[in-house]
């Protein structure tokens, strides 16, 4: 059976945000079948919601409406 797993780690603190992703694909999957990497540009206000799949409500919400939150000092 073909299998793809993805481990996403997100860290947010007073120094900024760190995101890392590890993706593993089974040996039988063809590398030509997966889409190219996605790039995200955060040039407008945005909302971050973190929730567990077992919960009906998020445990963390952050509205980023000011770019100074994204700049390391």
N, C-alpha and C. Protein backbone atom coordinates (compact mmCIF):
# COMPACT_ATOMS: atom_id res chain seq x y z
N UNK A 1 0.84 -1.18 0.00
CA UNK A 1 0.00 0.00 0.00
C UNK A 1 0.89 1.24 0.00
N UNK A 2 0.51 2.23 -0.79
CA UNK A 2 1.22 3.50 -0.82
C UNK A 2 0.81 4.32 0.40
N UNK A 3 1.77 5.03 0.95
CA UNK A 3 1.49 5.79 2.17
C UNK A 3 2.29 7.09 2.17
N UNK A 4 1.65 8.16 2.58
CA UNK A 4 2.32 9.43 2.78
C UNK A 4 2.01 9.89 4.20
N UNK A 5 3.04 10.24 4.95
CA UNK A 5 2.83 10.81 6.28
C UNK A 5 3.50 12.18 6.33
N UNK A 6 2.92 13.06 7.13
CA UNK A 6 3.48 14.40 7.26
C UNK A 6 3.47 14.80 8.73
N UNK A 7 4.59 15.26 9.21
CA UNK A 7 4.74 15.72 10.59
C UNK A 7 4.99 17.23 10.55
N UNK A 8 4.07 18.00 11.10
CA UNK A 8 4.18 19.46 11.10
C UNK A 8 4.45 19.92 12.52
N UNK A 9 5.49 20.70 12.69
CA UNK A 9 5.83 21.25 14.01
C UNK A 9 5.81 22.77 13.91
N UNK A 10 5.06 23.38 14.80
CA UNK A 10 4.86 24.82 14.80
C UNK A 10 5.20 25.35 16.17
N UNK A 11 6.13 26.30 16.24
CA UNK A 11 6.52 26.90 17.51
C UNK A 11 6.33 28.40 17.40
N UNK A 12 5.64 28.97 18.36
CA UNK A 12 5.40 30.41 18.38
C UNK A 12 5.71 30.92 19.77
N UNK A 13 6.60 31.91 19.85
CA UNK A 13 6.91 32.53 21.13
C UNK A 13 7.23 34.00 20.93
N UNK A 14 7.75 34.66 21.95
CA UNK A 14 7.99 36.10 21.85
C UNK A 14 9.09 36.46 20.86
N UNK A 15 9.86 35.47 20.41
CA UNK A 15 10.94 35.72 19.45
C UNK A 15 10.50 35.52 17.99
N UNK A 16 9.34 34.95 17.78
CA UNK A 16 8.86 34.72 16.42
C UNK A 16 8.24 33.34 16.27
N UNK A 17 8.13 32.92 15.03
CA UNK A 17 7.52 31.63 14.73
C UNK A 17 8.51 30.75 13.98
N UNK A 18 8.41 29.45 14.24
CA UNK A 18 9.24 28.47 13.53
C UNK A 18 8.31 27.35 13.07
N UNK A 19 8.44 26.98 11.83
CA UNK A 19 7.61 25.92 11.26
C UNK A 19 8.52 24.95 10.54
N UNK A 20 8.36 23.67 10.83
CA UNK A 20 9.10 22.65 10.10
C UNK A 20 8.14 21.53 9.72
N UNK A 21 8.39 20.96 8.56
CA UNK A 21 7.53 19.91 8.04
C UNK A 21 8.41 18.77 7.54
N UNK A 22 8.07 17.56 7.96
CA UNK A 22 8.75 16.36 7.48
C UNK A 22 7.72 15.50 6.77
N UNK A 23 7.95 15.23 5.51
CA UNK A 23 7.03 14.41 4.73
C UNK A 23 7.74 13.14 4.30
N UNK A 24 7.09 12.01 4.53
CA UNK A 24 7.64 10.72 4.12
C UNK A 24 6.69 10.06 3.15
N UNK A 25 7.25 9.53 2.07
CA UNK A 25 6.43 8.85 1.06
C UNK A 25 6.87 7.40 0.97
N UNK A 26 5.90 6.51 0.82
CA UNK A 26 6.19 5.09 0.69
C UNK A 26 7.02 4.81 -0.55
N UNK A 27 7.73 3.70 -0.54
CA UNK A 27 8.65 3.37 -1.63
C UNK A 27 7.95 3.19 -2.97
N UNK A 28 6.69 2.83 -2.97
CA UNK A 28 6.00 2.56 -4.22
C UNK A 28 5.43 3.82 -4.87
N UNK A 29 5.50 4.98 -4.19
CA UNK A 29 4.97 6.20 -4.77
C UNK A 29 5.97 6.79 -5.76
N UNK A 30 5.46 7.27 -6.86
CA UNK A 30 6.32 7.90 -7.86
C UNK A 30 6.54 9.36 -7.48
N UNK A 31 7.76 9.81 -7.55
CA UNK A 31 8.06 11.19 -7.18
C UNK A 31 7.46 12.18 -8.17
N UNK A 32 7.18 11.76 -9.39
CA UNK A 32 6.59 12.65 -10.39
C UNK A 32 5.12 12.93 -10.11
N UNK A 33 4.50 12.18 -9.21
CA UNK A 33 3.07 12.33 -8.96
C UNK A 33 2.73 13.37 -7.90
N UNK A 34 3.71 13.87 -7.17
CA UNK A 34 3.37 14.83 -6.11
C UNK A 34 3.51 16.27 -6.63
N UNK A 35 2.71 17.16 -6.11
CA UNK A 35 2.75 18.55 -6.57
C UNK A 35 4.03 19.25 -6.13
N UNK A 36 4.39 20.34 -6.80
CA UNK A 36 5.58 21.08 -6.38
C UNK A 36 5.37 21.74 -5.02
N UNK A 37 6.44 22.11 -4.34
CA UNK A 37 6.29 22.75 -3.02
C UNK A 37 5.49 24.04 -3.13
N UNK A 38 4.74 24.33 -2.07
CA UNK A 38 3.95 25.56 -2.04
C UNK A 38 4.72 26.63 -1.26
N UNK A 39 4.59 27.86 -1.71
CA UNK A 39 5.20 28.99 -1.03
C UNK A 39 4.10 29.95 -0.61
N UNK A 40 4.15 30.39 0.62
CA UNK A 40 3.12 31.27 1.16
C UNK A 40 3.71 32.66 1.37
N UNK A 41 2.97 33.67 0.94
CA UNK A 41 3.37 35.06 1.14
C UNK A 41 2.34 35.69 2.06
N UNK A 42 2.79 36.17 3.20
CA UNK A 42 1.90 36.80 4.17
C UNK A 42 2.06 38.31 4.06
N UNK A 43 1.39 38.90 3.09
CA UNK A 43 1.49 40.34 2.88
C UNK A 43 0.19 41.07 3.21
N UNK A 44 -0.73 40.37 3.86
CA UNK A 44 -1.99 40.95 4.30
C UNK A 44 -2.29 40.40 5.69
N UNK A 45 -3.20 41.03 6.44
CA UNK A 45 -3.57 40.47 7.74
C UNK A 45 -4.07 39.03 7.60
N UNK A 46 -3.78 38.21 8.64
CA UNK A 46 -4.22 36.82 8.59
C UNK A 46 -4.50 36.31 10.00
N UNK A 47 -5.16 35.17 10.06
CA UNK A 47 -5.57 34.55 11.32
C UNK A 47 -4.91 33.18 11.44
N UNK A 48 -4.35 32.90 12.62
CA UNK A 48 -3.82 31.57 12.93
C UNK A 48 -4.74 30.94 13.96
N UNK A 49 -5.25 29.76 13.66
CA UNK A 49 -6.06 28.98 14.59
C UNK A 49 -5.39 27.63 14.78
N UNK A 50 -5.20 27.24 16.03
CA UNK A 50 -4.66 25.91 16.33
C UNK A 50 -5.73 25.12 17.06
N UNK A 51 -5.97 23.91 16.55
CA UNK A 51 -6.99 23.07 17.18
C UNK A 51 -6.59 21.61 17.12
N UNK A 52 -7.07 20.87 18.08
CA UNK A 52 -6.87 19.42 18.08
C UNK A 52 -8.03 18.80 17.32
N UNK A 53 -7.76 17.71 16.64
CA UNK A 53 -8.83 17.06 15.87
C UNK A 53 -9.95 16.53 16.76
N UNK A 54 -9.65 16.29 18.03
CA UNK A 54 -10.66 15.75 18.93
C UNK A 54 -11.51 16.84 19.59
N UNK A 55 -11.24 18.10 19.27
CA UNK A 55 -11.96 19.20 19.91
C UNK A 55 -12.80 19.96 18.89
N UNK A 56 -13.88 20.55 19.37
CA UNK A 56 -14.74 21.32 18.47
C UNK A 56 -14.36 22.81 18.45
N UNK A 57 -13.41 23.20 19.32
CA UNK A 57 -13.00 24.61 19.41
C UNK A 57 -11.48 24.71 19.38
N UNK A 58 -10.96 25.79 18.79
CA UNK A 58 -9.50 25.97 18.81
C UNK A 58 -9.01 26.30 20.21
N UNK A 59 -7.76 25.94 20.49
CA UNK A 59 -7.17 26.27 21.78
C UNK A 59 -6.27 27.50 21.69
N UNK A 60 -6.05 28.01 20.47
CA UNK A 60 -5.23 29.20 20.29
C UNK A 60 -5.70 29.93 19.05
N UNK A 61 -5.79 31.26 19.15
CA UNK A 61 -6.15 32.10 18.00
C UNK A 61 -5.27 33.34 18.03
N UNK A 62 -4.75 33.72 16.87
CA UNK A 62 -3.93 34.92 16.77
C UNK A 62 -4.28 35.64 15.48
N UNK A 63 -4.72 36.87 15.59
CA UNK A 63 -4.98 37.71 14.43
C UNK A 63 -3.74 38.58 14.23
N UNK A 64 -3.08 38.43 13.09
CA UNK A 64 -1.90 39.22 12.77
C UNK A 64 -2.32 40.30 11.78
N UNK A 65 -2.49 41.50 12.29
CA UNK A 65 -2.91 42.62 11.45
C UNK A 65 -1.84 43.67 11.31
N UNK A 66 -0.69 43.46 11.99
CA UNK A 66 0.37 44.44 12.00
C UNK A 66 1.68 43.72 11.68
N UNK A 67 2.40 44.11 10.64
CA UNK A 67 3.61 43.38 10.25
C UNK A 67 4.74 43.46 11.28
N UNK A 68 4.67 44.36 12.25
CA UNK A 68 5.75 44.43 13.24
C UNK A 68 5.83 43.16 14.07
N UNK A 69 4.73 42.39 14.16
CA UNK A 69 4.78 41.11 14.87
C UNK A 69 5.64 40.10 14.15
N UNK A 70 5.88 40.28 12.87
CA UNK A 70 6.60 39.30 12.06
C UNK A 70 8.08 39.62 11.92
N UNK A 71 8.52 40.75 12.45
CA UNK A 71 9.91 41.18 12.29
C UNK A 71 10.69 40.90 13.57
N UNK A 72 11.77 40.16 13.44
CA UNK A 72 12.63 39.87 14.60
C UNK A 72 13.41 41.12 14.96
N UNK A 73 13.52 41.38 16.26
CA UNK A 73 14.27 42.57 16.71
C UNK A 73 15.65 42.20 17.14
